[in-house]
C-alpha cells in the first residue's frame, strides 16, 4: 500500500510517520525541505521534489492525502491535482476545511470521476503515539478503500468511521471543535474560581489529578491540564491570549443558520475573541460609564 502525503507539518508529518511505522509506504512533499529530510532519515519516507513528483511516484489507484491549511492553499492544491489524476483516484482533505467548501470540492471532483474524502482529523501532536480520531465524509466506495490507512492511523477497529456523504466529515469535526471550545472554557473558568479562593489555598495540581479518577468530568483535556499544572500553577510565562482556528466560528454560524440555541459554544468563542483584544477598548468604555453614572474610580495604566 502506498499514498502521497502533501503537507508534512505537525499533523501531516506525524501522520506520515505513523503510516510508515505500520508498513505503509508514504511519498511525502512539503515546501519545507527539512520536514522531508527528517522523515526520510528517521522513518524511511519516499521523498518527492514537488506534489506532481509525489503523484507520479504512485502506482495503480492513486491516493493523495492533503494536510494543508484551510482556504485558498487547499483549494489551489486540489485544482492543481486534477490534471495529474485519473478516474477512480482519490483526494483526501484531512485539514480543517469548512464543510461547505468540501461539498463544493466533492461535486467538482466528481465531474472528473475523482473520489473525494473530507476527513475530520483529531488527535493533535499526540496522534503519532496515541492514534488519531478520523471522521470520513464521502462516497462509501472511496471510504472503503481508505480502511487499511484508517486502521494504521487509529486503533485498527476503533477511532475512525465513515460518517456520511461528502462534507459530513468536516461538519462532524467542526462540531467536535465547537464542543471542545466549551469544555475548555468550563475547565478554565472553574479552575480560575478554585485558584481565586485564597483562604483555602487549594492545590490545583492535586485537585485536577483527583478529578481524573472516577469523576464525571474526567477526560483527556483534564489529563493534559493536570499534567501541565504539576509543573506550573502560576502560568506567569503564558500570555492571556487564546487563538481560534476558525471552526468555532463556523459552529456558531451553523447554530444561527439552524436556529438552534448554542449559548455555551457561543460564549466560549466570544471569550477567545476577548482574549485577542490587546486594547480592551470595550472594557475601557465600561470603566468610563461606571465613572460617569456612579462616580466609580477609573484605574489608570
C-alpha atoms as a PDB file:
ATOM      1  CA  UNK A   1       0.000   0.000   0.000  1.00  0.00           C
ATOM      2  CA  UNK A   2       1.177   3.493  -0.796  1.00  0.00           C
ATOM      3  CA  UNK A   3      -0.131   7.051  -0.697  1.00  0.00           C
ATOM      4  CA  UNK A   4       1.145  10.576  -1.160  1.00  0.00           C
ATOM      5  CA  UNK A   5       1.088  12.942   1.811  1.00  0.00           C
ATOM      6  CA  UNK A   6       1.137  16.629   0.868  1.00  0.00           C
ATOM      7  CA  UNK A   7       1.879  18.858   3.857  1.00  0.00           C
ATOM      8  CA  UNK A   8       4.294  17.478   6.456  1.00  0.00           C
ATOM      9  CA  UNK A   9       3.855  19.906   9.331  1.00  0.00           C
ATOM     10  CA  UNK A  10       2.952  18.942  12.904  1.00  0.00           C
ATOM     11  CA  UNK A  11      -0.068  16.882  11.897  1.00  0.00           C
ATOM     12  CA  UNK A  12       0.868  15.703   8.415  1.00  0.00           C
ATOM     13  CA  UNK A  13       4.402  14.766   9.387  1.00  0.00           C
ATOM     14  CA  UNK A  14       3.277  12.702  12.364  1.00  0.00           C
ATOM     15  CA  UNK A  15       0.573  11.013  10.314  1.00  0.00           C
ATOM     16  CA  UNK A  16       3.121  10.094   7.672  1.00  0.00           C
ATOM     17  CA  UNK A  17       5.398   8.679  10.368  1.00  0.00           C
ATOM     18  CA  UNK A  18       2.615   6.583  11.880  1.00  0.00           C
ATOM     19  CA  UNK A  19       1.684   5.164   8.481  1.00  0.00           C
ATOM     20  CA  UNK A  20       5.312   4.296   7.799  1.00  0.00           C
ATOM     21  CA  UNK A  21       5.613   2.567  11.164  1.00  0.00           C
ATOM     22  CA  UNK A  22       2.656   0.420  10.118  1.00  0.00           C
ATOM     23  CA  UNK A  23       4.460  -0.674   6.956  1.00  0.00           C
ATOM     24  CA  UNK A  24       2.547   1.624   4.584  1.00  0.00           C
ATOM     25  CA  UNK A  25       4.676   3.403   2.007  1.00  0.00           C
ATOM     26  CA  UNK A  26       4.389   7.185   2.014  1.00  0.00           C
ATOM     27  CA  UNK A  27       5.596   9.544  -0.673  1.00  0.00           C
ATOM     28  CA  UNK A  28       5.851  12.930   1.012  1.00  0.00           C
ATOM     29  CA  UNK A  29       6.117  16.508  -0.156  1.00  0.00           C
ATOM     30  CA  UNK A  30       6.337  19.826   1.667  1.00  0.00           C
ATOM     31  CA  UNK A  31       7.879  23.139   0.714  1.00  0.00           C
ATOM     32  CA  UNK A  32       9.928  22.863   3.920  1.00  0.00           C
ATOM     33  CA  UNK A  33      12.750  20.560   2.823  1.00  0.00           C
ATOM     34  CA  UNK A  34      13.779  19.936   6.437  1.00  0.00           C
ATOM     35  CA  UNK A  35      10.434  18.250   7.116  1.00  0.00           C
ATOM     36  CA  UNK A  36      11.058  15.929   4.178  1.00  0.00           C
ATOM     37  CA  UNK A  37      14.652  15.058   5.082  1.00  0.00           C
ATOM     38  CA  UNK A  38      13.756  14.299   8.712  1.00  0.00           C
ATOM     39  CA  UNK A  39      11.048  11.832   7.684  1.00  0.00           C
ATOM     40  CA  UNK A  40      13.284  10.236   5.081  1.00  0.00           C
ATOM     41  CA  UNK A  41      16.121   9.739   7.566  1.00  0.00           C
ATOM     42  CA  UNK A  42      14.092   8.755  10.631  1.00  0.00           C
ATOM     43  CA  UNK A  43      11.100   6.928   9.172  1.00  0.00           C
ATOM     44  CA  UNK A  44      12.088   5.824   5.669  1.00  0.00           C
ATOM     45  CA  UNK A  45       9.653   8.027   3.772  1.00  0.00           C
ATOM     46  CA  UNK A  46       9.988   8.350  -0.005  1.00  0.00           C
ATOM     47  CA  UNK A  47      10.861  11.964  -0.826  1.00  0.00           C
ATOM     48  CA  UNK A  48       9.208  13.966  -3.594  1.00  0.00           C
ATOM     49  CA  UNK A  49      10.537  17.147  -5.191  1.00  0.00           C
ATOM     50  CA  UNK A  50       7.042  18.504  -5.878  1.00  0.00           C
ATOM     51  CA  UNK A  51       3.411  17.495  -5.483  1.00  0.00           C
ATOM     52  CA  UNK A  52       3.487  16.387  -9.130  1.00  0.00           C
ATOM     53  CA  UNK A  53       6.512  14.216  -8.406  1.00  0.00           C
ATOM     54  CA  UNK A  54       4.678  12.722  -5.430  1.00  0.00           C
ATOM     55  CA  UNK A  55       1.719  11.768  -7.624  1.00  0.00           C
ATOM     56  CA  UNK A  56       3.979  10.328 -10.312  1.00  0.00           C
ATOM     57  CA  UNK A  57       5.591   8.039  -7.747  1.00  0.00           C
ATOM     58  CA  UNK A  58       2.249   6.354  -7.009  1.00  0.00           C
ATOM     59  CA  UNK A  59       1.018   3.221  -8.774  1.00  0.00           C
ATOM     60  CA  UNK A  60      -2.465   1.930  -9.578  1.00  0.00           C
ATOM     61  CA  UNK A  61      -5.329   3.721  -7.833  1.00  0.00           C
ATOM     62  CA  UNK A  62      -3.665   6.868  -6.557  1.00  0.00           C
ATOM     63  CA  UNK A  63      -4.443   8.301  -3.112  1.00  0.00           C
ATOM     64  CA  UNK A  64      -3.292  11.831  -2.327  1.00  0.00           C
ATOM     65  CA  UNK A  65      -3.771  12.908   1.283  1.00  0.00           C
ATOM     66  CA  UNK A  66      -3.657  16.666   1.965  1.00  0.00           C
ATOM     67  CA  UNK A  67      -2.751  18.096   5.374  1.00  0.00           C
ATOM     68  CA  UNK A  68      -2.758  21.783   4.487  1.00  0.00           C
ATOM     69  CA  UNK A  69      -4.183  24.998   5.949  1.00  0.00           C
ATOM     70  CA  UNK A  70      -7.843  25.529   5.109  1.00  0.00           C
ATOM     71  CA  UNK A  71      -8.885  28.012   2.462  1.00  0.00           C
ATOM     72  CA  UNK A  72      -7.025  29.117  -0.638  1.00  0.00           C
ATOM     73  CA  UNK A  73      -3.999  26.852  -0.153  1.00  0.00           C
ATOM     74  CA  UNK A  74      -6.132  23.700  -0.074  1.00  0.00           C
ATOM     75  CA  UNK A  75      -8.371  24.978  -2.864  1.00  0.00           C
ATOM     76  CA  UNK A  76      -5.464  25.648  -5.211  1.00  0.00           C
ATOM     77  CA  UNK A  77      -3.775  22.351  -4.392  1.00  0.00           C
ATOM     78  CA  UNK A  78      -6.908  20.369  -5.256  1.00  0.00           C
ATOM     79  CA  UNK A  79      -7.280  22.206  -8.559  1.00  0.00           C
ATOM     80  CA  UNK A  80      -3.618  21.597  -9.399  1.00  0.00           C
ATOM     81  CA  UNK A  81      -4.016  17.872  -8.727  1.00  0.00           C
ATOM     82  CA  UNK A  82      -6.937  17.357 -11.120  1.00  0.00           C
ATOM     83  CA  UNK A  83      -4.900  17.080 -14.353  1.00  0.00           C
ATOM     84  CA  UNK A  84      -2.486  14.670 -12.638  1.00  0.00           C
ATOM     85  CA  UNK A  85      -5.141  12.188 -11.528  1.00  0.00           C
ATOM     86  CA  UNK A  86      -7.381   9.711 -13.331  1.00  0.00           C
ATOM     87  CA  UNK A  87     -10.898   8.445 -12.852  1.00  0.00           C
ATOM     88  CA  UNK A  88     -11.121   6.420  -9.646  1.00  0.00           C
ATOM     89  CA  UNK A  89      -8.185   8.118  -7.929  1.00  0.00           C
ATOM     90  CA  UNK A  90      -8.848   9.689  -4.519  1.00  0.00           C
ATOM     91  CA  UNK A  91      -8.061  13.011  -2.869  1.00  0.00           C
ATOM     92  CA  UNK A  92      -8.350  13.140   0.927  1.00  0.00           C
ATOM     93  CA  UNK A  93      -8.562  16.526   2.648  1.00  0.00           C
ATOM     94  CA  UNK A  94      -7.524  15.850   6.235  1.00  0.00           C
ATOM     95  CA  UNK A  95      -7.236  19.519   7.189  1.00  0.00           C
ATOM     96  CA  UNK A  96      -9.763  21.759   8.902  1.00  0.00           C
ATOM     97  CA  UNK A  97     -11.698  22.896   5.831  1.00  0.00           C
ATOM     98  CA  UNK A  98     -15.176  24.374   6.000  1.00  0.00           C
ATOM     99  CA  UNK A  99     -17.653  21.599   5.228  1.00  0.00           C
ATOM    100  CA  UNK A 100     -19.448  23.771   2.666  1.00  0.00           C
ATOM    101  CA  UNK A 101     -16.198  24.110   0.736  1.00  0.00           C
ATOM    102  CA  UNK A 102     -15.784  20.339   0.937  1.00  0.00           C
ATOM    103  CA  UNK A 103     -19.246  19.781  -0.528  1.00  0.00           C
ATOM    104  CA  UNK A 104     -18.400  22.064  -3.446  1.00  0.00           C
ATOM    105  CA  UNK A 105     -14.997  20.447  -3.980  1.00  0.00           C
ATOM    106  CA  UNK A 106     -16.514  16.979  -3.888  1.00  0.00           C
ATOM    107  CA  UNK A 107     -19.021  17.912  -6.574  1.00  0.00           C
ATOM    108  CA  UNK A 108     -16.262  19.477  -8.695  1.00  0.00           C
ATOM    109  CA  UNK A 109     -14.037  16.392  -8.481  1.00  0.00           C
ATOM    110  CA  UNK A 110     -16.976  14.076  -9.213  1.00  0.00           C
ATOM    111  CA  UNK A 111     -17.219  15.681 -12.650  1.00  0.00           C
ATOM    112  CA  UNK A 112     -13.770  14.245 -13.372  1.00  0.00           C
ATOM    113  CA  UNK A 113     -14.550  10.892 -11.764  1.00  0.00           C
ATOM    114  CA  UNK A 114     -12.072  11.612  -8.960  1.00  0.00           C
ATOM    115  CA  UNK A 115     -13.109  10.487  -5.493  1.00  0.00           C
ATOM    116  CA  UNK A 116     -13.076  12.974  -2.644  1.00  0.00           C
ATOM    117  CA  UNK A 117     -12.981  12.252   1.070  1.00  0.00           C
ATOM    118  CA  UNK A 118     -13.248  15.059   3.609  1.00  0.00           C
ATOM    119  CA  UNK A 119     -11.622  13.718   6.742  1.00  0.00           C
ATOM    120  CA  UNK A 120     -12.043  15.428  10.093  1.00  0.00           C
ATOM    121  CA  UNK A 121      -8.828  14.690  11.982  1.00  0.00           C
ATOM    122  CA  UNK A 122      -8.426  14.894  15.754  1.00  0.00           C
ATOM    123  CA  UNK A 123      -5.550  13.858  17.975  1.00  0.00           C
ATOM    124  CA  UNK A 124      -3.152  16.770  17.755  1.00  0.00           C
ATOM    125  CA  UNK A 125       0.548  16.247  18.349  1.00  0.00           C
ATOM    126  CA  UNK A 126      -0.223  13.150  20.430  1.00  0.00           C
ATOM    127  CA  UNK A 127      -1.678  11.256  17.481  1.00  0.00           C
ATOM    128  CA  UNK A 128       1.631   9.742  16.451  1.00  0.00           C
ATOM    129  CA  UNK A 129       1.841   7.688  19.645  1.00  0.00           C
ATOM    130  CA  UNK A 130      -1.793   7.513  20.742  1.00  0.00           C
ATOM    131  CA  UNK A 131      -3.538   7.262  17.373  1.00  0.00           C
ATOM    132  CA  UNK A 132      -5.902   9.697  15.693  1.00  0.00           C
ATOM    133  CA  UNK A 133      -9.662  10.045  15.506  1.00  0.00           C
ATOM    134  CA  UNK A 134     -10.812  10.175  11.878  1.00  0.00           C
ATOM    135  CA  UNK A 135     -14.240  11.235  10.639  1.00  0.00           C
ATOM    136  CA  UNK A 136     -14.712  10.405   6.950  1.00  0.00           C
ATOM    137  CA  UNK A 137     -17.222  12.036   4.646  1.00  0.00           C
ATOM    138  CA  UNK A 138     -17.687  10.873   1.048  1.00  0.00           C
ATOM    139  CA  UNK A 139     -18.929   8.051  -1.134  1.00  0.00           C
ATOM    140  CA  UNK A 140     -18.676   4.714   0.618  1.00  0.00           C
ATOM    141  CA  UNK A 141     -16.781   3.112  -2.258  1.00  0.00           C
ATOM    142  CA  UNK A 142     -13.917   5.549  -1.728  1.00  0.00           C
ATOM    143  CA  UNK A 143     -14.132   5.442   2.068  1.00  0.00           C
ATOM    144  CA  UNK A 144     -13.780   1.651   1.941  1.00  0.00           C
ATOM    145  CA  UNK A 145     -10.515   1.988   0.006  1.00  0.00           C
ATOM    146  CA  UNK A 146      -9.099   4.000   2.900  1.00  0.00           C
ATOM    147  CA  UNK A 147      -9.890   1.359   5.530  1.00  0.00           C
ATOM    148  CA  UNK A 148      -6.332  -0.015   5.913  1.00  0.00           C
ATOM    149  CA  UNK A 149      -4.929   3.503   6.134  1.00  0.00           C
ATOM    150  CA  UNK A 150      -7.501   4.437   8.788  1.00  0.00           C
ATOM    151  CA  UNK A 151      -6.662   1.295  10.742  1.00  0.00           C
ATOM    152  CA  UNK A 152      -2.981   2.265  10.757  1.00  0.00           C
ATOM    153  CA  UNK A 153      -3.654   5.842  11.818  1.00  0.00           C
ATOM    154  CA  UNK A 154      -6.069   4.897  14.621  1.00  0.00           C
ATOM    155  CA  UNK A 155      -6.545   1.748  16.705  1.00  0.00           C
ATOM    156  CA  UNK A 156      -7.470  -0.671  13.922  1.00  0.00           C
ATOM    157  CA  UNK A 157     -11.066  -1.335  14.968  1.00  0.00           C
ATOM    158  CA  UNK A 158     -11.946   1.958  16.641  1.00  0.00           C
ATOM    159  CA  UNK A 159     -11.282   5.671  16.380  1.00  0.00           C
ATOM    160  CA  UNK A 160     -12.434   6.016  12.767  1.00  0.00           C
ATOM    161  CA  UNK A 161     -15.725   5.937  10.894  1.00  0.00           C
ATOM    162  CA  UNK A 162     -17.345   6.791   7.595  1.00  0.00           C
ATOM    163  CA  UNK A 163     -19.945   9.198   8.967  1.00  0.00           C
ATOM    164  CA  UNK A 164     -21.829  10.179   5.800  1.00  0.00           C
ATOM    165  CA  UNK A 165     -21.675  11.876   2.388  1.00  0.00           C
ATOM    166  CA  UNK A 166     -19.177  14.471   1.223  1.00  0.00           C
ATOM    167  CA  UNK A 167     -18.999  17.333   3.721  1.00  0.00           C
ATOM    168  CA  UNK A 168     -20.116  15.294   6.713  1.00  0.00           C
ATOM    169  CA  UNK A 169     -16.583  14.520   7.852  1.00  0.00           C
ATOM    170  CA  UNK A 170     -15.588  18.157   8.168  1.00  0.00           C
ATOM    171  CA  UNK A 171     -19.021  19.044   9.536  1.00  0.00           C
ATOM    172  CA  UNK A 172     -18.599  16.457  12.297  1.00  0.00           C
ATOM    173  CA  UNK A 173     -15.100  17.742  13.073  1.00  0.00           C
ATOM    174  CA  UNK A 174     -16.396  21.320  13.142  1.00  0.00           C
ATOM    175  CA  UNK A 175     -18.942  20.445  15.821  1.00  0.00           C
ATOM    176  CA  UNK A 176     -16.306  18.393  17.633  1.00  0.00           C
ATOM    177  CA  UNK A 177     -14.150  21.517  17.885  1.00  0.00           C
ATOM    178  CA  UNK A 178     -17.099  23.654  18.955  1.00  0.00           C
ATOM    179  CA  UNK A 179     -17.759  21.258  21.828  1.00  0.00           C
ATOM    180  CA  UNK A 180     -14.053  21.307  22.628  1.00  0.00           C
ATOM    181  CA  UNK A 181     -14.204  25.108  22.990  1.00  0.00           C
ATOM    182  CA  UNK A 182     -16.999  24.790  25.548  1.00  0.00           C
ATOM    183  CA  UNK A 183     -15.246  22.075  27.549  1.00  0.00           C
ATOM    184  CA  UNK A 184     -12.000  24.023  27.669  1.00  0.00           C
ATOM    185  CA  UNK A 185     -13.762  27.190  28.741  1.00  0.00           C
ATOM    186  CA  UNK A 186     -15.617  25.378  31.532  1.00  0.00           C
ATOM    187  CA  UNK A 187     -12.389  23.888  32.906  1.00  0.00           C
ATOM    188  CA  UNK A 188     -10.606  27.230  32.648  1.00  0.00           C
ATOM    189  CA  UNK A 189     -13.340  29.150  34.474  1.00  0.00           C
ATOM    190  CA  UNK A 190     -13.790  26.518  37.162  1.00  0.00           C
ATOM    191  CA  UNK A 191     -10.089  26.318  37.915  1.00  0.00           C
ATOM    192  CA  UNK A 192      -9.868  30.108  37.939  1.00  0.00           C
ATOM    193  CA  UNK A 193     -12.528  30.166  40.668  1.00  0.00           C
ATOM    194  CA  UNK A 194     -10.703  27.495  42.652  1.00  0.00           C
ATOM    195  CA  UNK A 195      -7.478  29.483  42.428  1.00  0.00           C
ATOM    196  CA  UNK A 196      -9.283  32.662  43.451  1.00  0.00           C
ATOM    197  CA  UNK A 197     -10.455  31.188  46.777  1.00  0.00           C
ATOM    198  CA  UNK A 198      -7.234  32.186  48.506  1.00  0.00           C
ATOM    199  CA  UNK A 199      -8.418  31.370  52.043  1.00  0.00           C
ATOM    200  CA  UNK A 200      -8.439  27.653  51.129  1.00  0.00           C
ATOM    201  CA  UNK A 201      -5.001  27.711  49.458  1.00  0.00           C
ATOM    202  CA  UNK A 202      -6.110  24.999  47.066  1.00  0.00           C
ATOM    203  CA  UNK A 203      -3.583  22.895  45.170  1.00  0.00           C
ATOM    204  CA  UNK A 204      -4.877  22.834  41.593  1.00  0.00           C
ATOM    205  CA  UNK A 205      -2.456  20.102  40.596  1.00  0.00           C
ATOM    206  CA  UNK A 206      -3.794  17.881  43.372  1.00  0.00           C
ATOM    207  CA  UNK A 207      -7.422  18.636  42.537  1.00  0.00           C
ATOM    208  CA  UNK A 208      -7.149  18.078  38.785  1.00  0.00           C
ATOM    209  CA  UNK A 209      -5.278  14.826  39.414  1.00  0.00           C
ATOM    210  CA  UNK A 210      -8.040  13.820  41.832  1.00  0.00           C
ATOM    211  CA  UNK A 211     -10.731  14.510  39.236  1.00  0.00           C
ATOM    212  CA  UNK A 212      -9.010  12.217  36.757  1.00  0.00           C
ATOM    213  CA  UNK A 213     -10.089   9.166  38.775  1.00  0.00           C
ATOM    214  CA  UNK A 214     -13.781   8.289  38.968  1.00  0.00           C
ATOM    215  CA  UNK A 215     -15.057  11.841  38.438  1.00  0.00           C
ATOM    216  CA  UNK A 216     -17.773  12.529  35.872  1.00  0.00           C
ATOM    217  CA  UNK A 217     -15.620  15.317  34.393  1.00  0.00           C
ATOM    218  CA  UNK A 218     -12.625  13.065  33.689  1.00  0.00           C
ATOM    219  CA  UNK A 219     -11.388  13.464  30.120  1.00  0.00           C
ATOM    220  CA  UNK A 220      -8.262  13.767  28.019  1.00  0.00           C
ATOM    221  CA  UNK A 221      -8.484  17.562  28.320  1.00  0.00           C
ATOM    222  CA  UNK A 222      -8.418  17.141  32.096  1.00  0.00           C
ATOM    223  CA  UNK A 223      -5.474  14.730  31.804  1.00  0.00           C
ATOM    224  CA  UNK A 224      -3.473  17.291  29.828  1.00  0.00           C
ATOM    225  CA  UNK A 225      -4.420  20.083  32.246  1.00  0.00           C
ATOM    226  CA  UNK A 226      -3.458  18.043  35.300  1.00  0.00           C
ATOM    227  CA  UNK A 227      -0.083  17.150  33.803  1.00  0.00           C
ATOM    228  CA  UNK A 228       0.609  20.804  32.953  1.00  0.00           C
ATOM    229  CA  UNK A 229      -0.335  22.043  36.430  1.00  0.00           C
ATOM    230  CA  UNK A 230       2.074  19.589  38.068  1.00  0.00           C
ATOM    231  CA  UNK A 231       4.906  21.674  36.667  1.00  0.00           C
ATOM    232  CA  UNK A 232       3.487  25.184  36.957  1.00  0.00           C
ATOM    233  CA  UNK A 233       0.384  26.607  38.624  1.00  0.00           C
ATOM    234  CA  UNK A 234       1.234  30.298  38.312  1.00  0.00           C
ATOM    235  CA  UNK A 235       1.359  30.344  34.478  1.00  0.00           C
ATOM    236  CA  UNK A 236       3.248  33.623  34.698  1.00  0.00           C
ATOM    237  CA  UNK A 237       5.121  32.934  31.488  1.00  0.00           C
ATOM    238  CA  UNK A 238       1.956  32.480  29.422  1.00  0.00           C
ATOM    239  CA  UNK A 239       0.186  35.444  27.829  1.00  0.00           C
ATOM    240  CA  UNK A 240      -3.617  35.574  28.335  1.00  0.00           C
ATOM    241  CA  UNK A 241      -4.237  35.189  24.600  1.00  0.00           C
ATOM    242  CA  UNK A 242      -6.195  32.316  23.069  1.00  0.00           C
ATOM    243  CA  UNK A 243      -6.341  31.923  19.287  1.00  0.00           C
ATOM    244  CA  UNK A 244      -9.260  30.372  17.417  1.00  0.00           C
ATOM    245  CA  UNK A 245      -8.714  28.217  14.346  1.00  0.00           C
ATOM    246  CA  UNK A 246     -11.996  29.113  12.637  1.00  0.00           C
ATOM    247  CA  UNK A 247     -14.054  26.005  13.325  1.00  0.00           C
ATOM    248  CA  UNK A 248     -15.528  27.546  16.470  1.00  0.00           C
ATOM    249  CA  UNK A 249     -16.778  30.455  14.371  1.00  0.00           C
ATOM    250  CA  UNK A 250     -18.259  28.107  11.785  1.00  0.00           C
ATOM    251  CA  UNK A 251     -20.016  26.193  14.572  1.00  0.00           C
ATOM    252  CA  UNK A 252     -21.699  29.330  15.888  1.00  0.00           C
ATOM    253  CA  UNK A 253     -22.712  30.379  12.361  1.00  0.00           C
ATOM    254  CA  UNK A 254     -24.220  26.920  11.857  1.00  0.00           C
ATOM    255  CA  UNK A 255     -26.208  27.308  15.081  1.00  0.00           C
ATOM    256  CA  UNK A 256     -27.610  30.609  13.814  1.00  0.00           C
ATOM    257  CA  UNK A 257     -28.455  29.124  10.410  1.00  0.00           C
ATOM    258  CA  UNK A 258     -30.247  26.173  12.017  1.00  0.00           C
ATOM    259  CA  UNK A 259     -31.923  28.359  14.622  1.00  0.00           C
ATOM    260  CA  UNK A 260     -30.525  26.142  17.370  1.00  0.00           C
ATOM    261  CA  UNK A 261     -29.582  27.691  20.713  1.00  0.00           C
ATOM    262  CA  UNK A 262     -25.900  27.049  21.471  1.00  0.00           C
ATOM    263  CA  UNK A 263     -25.089  29.550  24.238  1.00  0.00           C
ATOM    264  CA  UNK A 264     -22.159  27.639  25.757  1.00  0.00           C
ATOM    265  CA  UNK A 265     -20.369  27.201  22.437  1.00  0.00           C
ATOM    266  CA  UNK A 266     -21.051  30.828  21.501  1.00  0.00           C
ATOM    267  CA  UNK A 267     -19.817  32.292  24.780  1.00  0.00           C
ATOM    268  CA  UNK A 268     -16.696  30.106  24.663  1.00  0.00           C
ATOM    269  CA  UNK A 269     -15.888  31.533  21.234  1.00  0.00           C
ATOM    270  CA  UNK A 270     -16.582  35.084  22.400  1.00  0.00           C
ATOM    271  CA  UNK A 271     -14.237  34.547  25.351  1.00  0.00           C
ATOM    272  CA  UNK A 272     -11.451  33.753  22.901  1.00  0.00           C
ATOM    273  CA  UNK A 273     -12.233  36.898  20.951  1.00  0.00           C
ATOM    274  CA  UNK A 274     -11.979  38.875  24.180  1.00  0.00           C
ATOM    275  CA  UNK A 275      -8.543  37.434  24.936  1.00  0.00           C
ATOM    276  CA  UNK A 276      -7.369  38.561  21.495  1.00  0.00           C
ATOM    277  CA  UNK A 277      -8.319  42.196  22.110  1.00  0.00           C
ATOM    278  CA  UNK A 278      -4.986  43.728  23.054  1.00  0.00           C
ATOM    279  CA  UNK A 279      -6.512  47.179  23.541  1.00  0.00           C
ATOM    280  CA  UNK A 280      -9.528  46.076  25.581  1.00  0.00           C
ATOM    281  CA  UNK A 281     -11.426  49.118  24.315  1.00  0.00           C
ATOM    282  CA  UNK A 282     -14.840  47.890  25.406  1.00  0.00           C
ATOM    283  CA  UNK A 283     -13.573  47.354  28.963  1.00  0.00           C
ATOM    284  CA  UNK A 284     -12.258  50.908  28.948  1.00  0.00           C
ATOM    285  CA  UNK A 285     -15.709  52.112  27.911  1.00  0.00           C
ATOM    286  CA  UNK A 286     -17.323  50.105  30.711  1.00  0.00           C
ATOM    287  CA  UNK A 287     -14.999  51.755  33.227  1.00  0.00           C
ATOM    288  CA  UNK A 288     -15.804  55.163  31.746  1.00  0.00           C
ATOM    289  CA  UNK A 289     -19.564  54.573  32.016  1.00  0.00           C
ATOM    290  CA  UNK A 290     -19.297  53.347  35.624  1.00  0.00           C
ATOM    291  CA  UNK A 291     -17.414  56.526  36.455  1.00  0.00           C
ATOM    292  CA  UNK A 292     -19.969  58.685  34.640  1.00  0.00           C
ATOM    293  CA  UNK A 293     -23.099  57.386  36.357  1.00  0.00           C
ATOM    294  CA  UNK A 294     -21.727  56.225  39.700  1.00  0.00           C
ATOM    295  CA  UNK A 295     -18.533  58.121  40.274  1.00  0.00           C
ATOM    296  CA  UNK A 296     -16.578  54.870  40.441  1.00  0.00           C
ATOM    297  CA  UNK A 297     -12.831  55.250  40.221  1.00  0.00           C
ATOM    298  CA  UNK A 298     -11.131  54.660  36.893  1.00  0.00           C
ATOM    299  CA  UNK A 299      -7.918  52.625  37.106  1.00  0.00           C
ATOM    300  CA  UNK A 300      -5.130  54.251  35.139  1.00  0.00           C
ATOM    301  CA  UNK A 301      -2.380  52.407  33.269  1.00  0.00           C
END
